[in-house]
Amino acid sequence: MEMEWVKIFEASEELQVELARQLLERIEINSVIFNKQDRVYKFGGIELYVHRDNAILAKQALKDI
């Protein structure tokens, strides 16, 4: 069965995305980080994805911080 992932957060700073990922981990929501940022020129974003079943809970958890 293929999992469906939903982007719930994006930032230009890796630290912001990692902190969001750790918060979701504390409330037992698995997440994946996709770094689409160019390494040299630092343009583009770093995105955080969760399974679609957890998207609403994850967005609410991140909204509260």
C-alpha atoms as a PDB file:
ATOM      1  CA  MET A   1       0.000   0.000   0.000  1.00  0.00           C
ATOM      2  CA  GLU A   2       1.401   3.337  -1.041  1.00  0.00           C
ATOM      3  CA  MET A   3       1.313   6.128   1.529  1.00  0.00           C
ATOM      4  CA  GLU A   4       0.061   9.541   0.554  1.00  0.00           C
ATOM      5  CA  TRP A   5       2.086  12.449   1.908  1.00  0.00           C
ATOM      6  CA  VAL A   6       0.924  16.041   2.377  1.00  0.00           C
ATOM      7  CA  LYS A   7       3.144  19.109   2.711  1.00  0.00           C
ATOM      8  CA  ILE A   8       2.296  20.862   5.960  1.00  0.00           C
ATOM      9  CA  PHE A   9       5.228  23.217   6.477  1.00  0.00           C
ATOM     10  CA  GLU A  10       7.899  24.982   4.428  1.00  0.00           C
ATOM     11  CA  ALA A  11      10.748  27.293   5.398  1.00  0.00           C
ATOM     12  CA  SER A  12      14.029  28.564   4.022  1.00  0.00           C
ATOM     13  CA  GLU A  13      15.904  27.718   7.230  1.00  0.00           C
ATOM     14  CA  GLU A  14      16.720  24.069   7.928  1.00  0.00           C
ATOM     15  CA  LEU A  15      16.576  24.657  11.689  1.00  0.00           C
ATOM     16  CA  GLN A  16      12.921  25.768  11.546  1.00  0.00           C
ATOM     17  CA  VAL A  17      11.895  22.637   9.665  1.00  0.00           C
ATOM     18  CA  GLU A  18      13.887  20.376  11.970  1.00  0.00           C
ATOM     19  CA  LEU A  19      12.263  21.918  15.048  1.00  0.00           C
ATOM     20  CA  ALA A  20       8.828  21.357  13.504  1.00  0.00           C
ATOM     21  CA  ARG A  21       9.767  17.731  12.743  1.00  0.00           C
ATOM     22  CA  GLN A  22      10.895  17.175  16.341  1.00  0.00           C
ATOM     23  CA  LEU A  23       7.661  18.633  17.692  1.00  0.00           C
ATOM     24  CA  LEU A  24       5.642  16.243  15.541  1.00  0.00           C
ATOM     25  CA  GLU A  25       7.850  13.356  16.648  1.00  0.00           C
ATOM     26  CA  ARG A  26       7.020  14.149  20.297  1.00  0.00           C
ATOM     27  CA  ILE A  27       3.316  13.704  19.573  1.00  0.00           C
ATOM     28  CA  GLU A  28       4.053  10.524  17.602  1.00  0.00           C
ATOM     29  CA  ILE A  29       3.458  11.834  14.087  1.00  0.00           C
ATOM     30  CA  ASN A  30       5.951  10.542  11.524  1.00  0.00           C
ATOM     31  CA  SER A  31       7.217  13.146   9.092  1.00  0.00           C
ATOM     32  CA  VAL A  32       9.679  13.468   6.231  1.00  0.00           C
ATOM     33  CA  ILE A  33      11.849  16.440   5.284  1.00  0.00           C
ATOM     34  CA  PHE A  34      12.506  17.215   1.609  1.00  0.00           C
ATOM     35  CA  ASN A  35      15.294  19.713   1.098  1.00  0.00           C
ATOM     36  CA  LYS A  36      14.682  21.389  -2.258  1.00  0.00           C
ATOM     37  CA  GLN A  37      17.101  24.201  -1.476  1.00  0.00           C
ATOM     38  CA  ASP A  38      20.068  24.871  -3.726  1.00  0.00           C
ATOM     39  CA  ARG A  39      23.193  24.217  -1.654  1.00  0.00           C
ATOM     40  CA  VAL A  40      25.285  26.983  -3.210  1.00  0.00           C
ATOM     41  CA  TYR A  41      22.876  29.879  -3.665  1.00  0.00           C
ATOM     42  CA  LYS A  42      20.406  28.952  -0.873  1.00  0.00           C
ATOM     43  CA  PHE A  43      17.245  29.551  -2.888  1.00  0.00           C
ATOM     44  CA  GLY A  44      14.298  27.212  -2.732  1.00  0.00           C
ATOM     45  CA  GLY A  45      12.545  25.731   0.259  1.00  0.00           C
ATOM     46  CA  ILE A  46      12.795  22.949   2.757  1.00  0.00           C
ATOM     47  CA  GLU A  47       9.494  21.112   3.098  1.00  0.00           C
ATOM     48  CA  LEU A  48       7.965  18.933   5.803  1.00  0.00           C
ATOM     49  CA  TYR A  49       5.488  16.208   4.856  1.00  0.00           C
ATOM     50  CA  VAL A  50       3.214  13.941   6.914  1.00  0.00           C
ATOM     51  CA  HIS A  51       0.823  11.151   6.009  1.00  0.00           C
ATOM     52  CA  ARG A  52      -2.532  12.560   4.925  1.00  0.00           C
ATOM     53  CA  ASP A  53      -4.309  10.933   7.891  1.00  0.00           C
ATOM     54  CA  ASN A  54      -2.193  13.042  10.270  1.00  0.00           C
ATOM     55  CA  ALA A  55      -2.245  16.302   8.324  1.00  0.00           C
ATOM     56  CA  ILE A  56      -4.939  18.114  10.322  1.00  0.00           C
ATOM     57  CA  LEU A  57      -3.456  17.190  13.699  1.00  0.00           C
ATOM     58  CA  ALA A  58       0.036  18.115  12.542  1.00  0.00           C
ATOM     59  CA  LYS A  59      -1.026  21.496  11.147  1.00  0.00           C
ATOM     60  CA  GLN A  60      -2.825  22.288  14.375  1.00  0.00           C
ATOM     61  CA  ALA A  61       0.207  21.318  16.472  1.00  0.00           C
ATOM     62  CA  LEU A  62       2.475  23.555  14.390  1.00  0.00           C
ATOM     63  CA  LYS A  63      -0.045  26.395  14.456  1.00  0.00           C
ATOM     64  CA  ASP A  64       0.049  26.447  18.247  1.00  0.00           C
ATOM     65  CA  ILE A  65       3.771  27.243  18.378  1.00  0.00           C
END
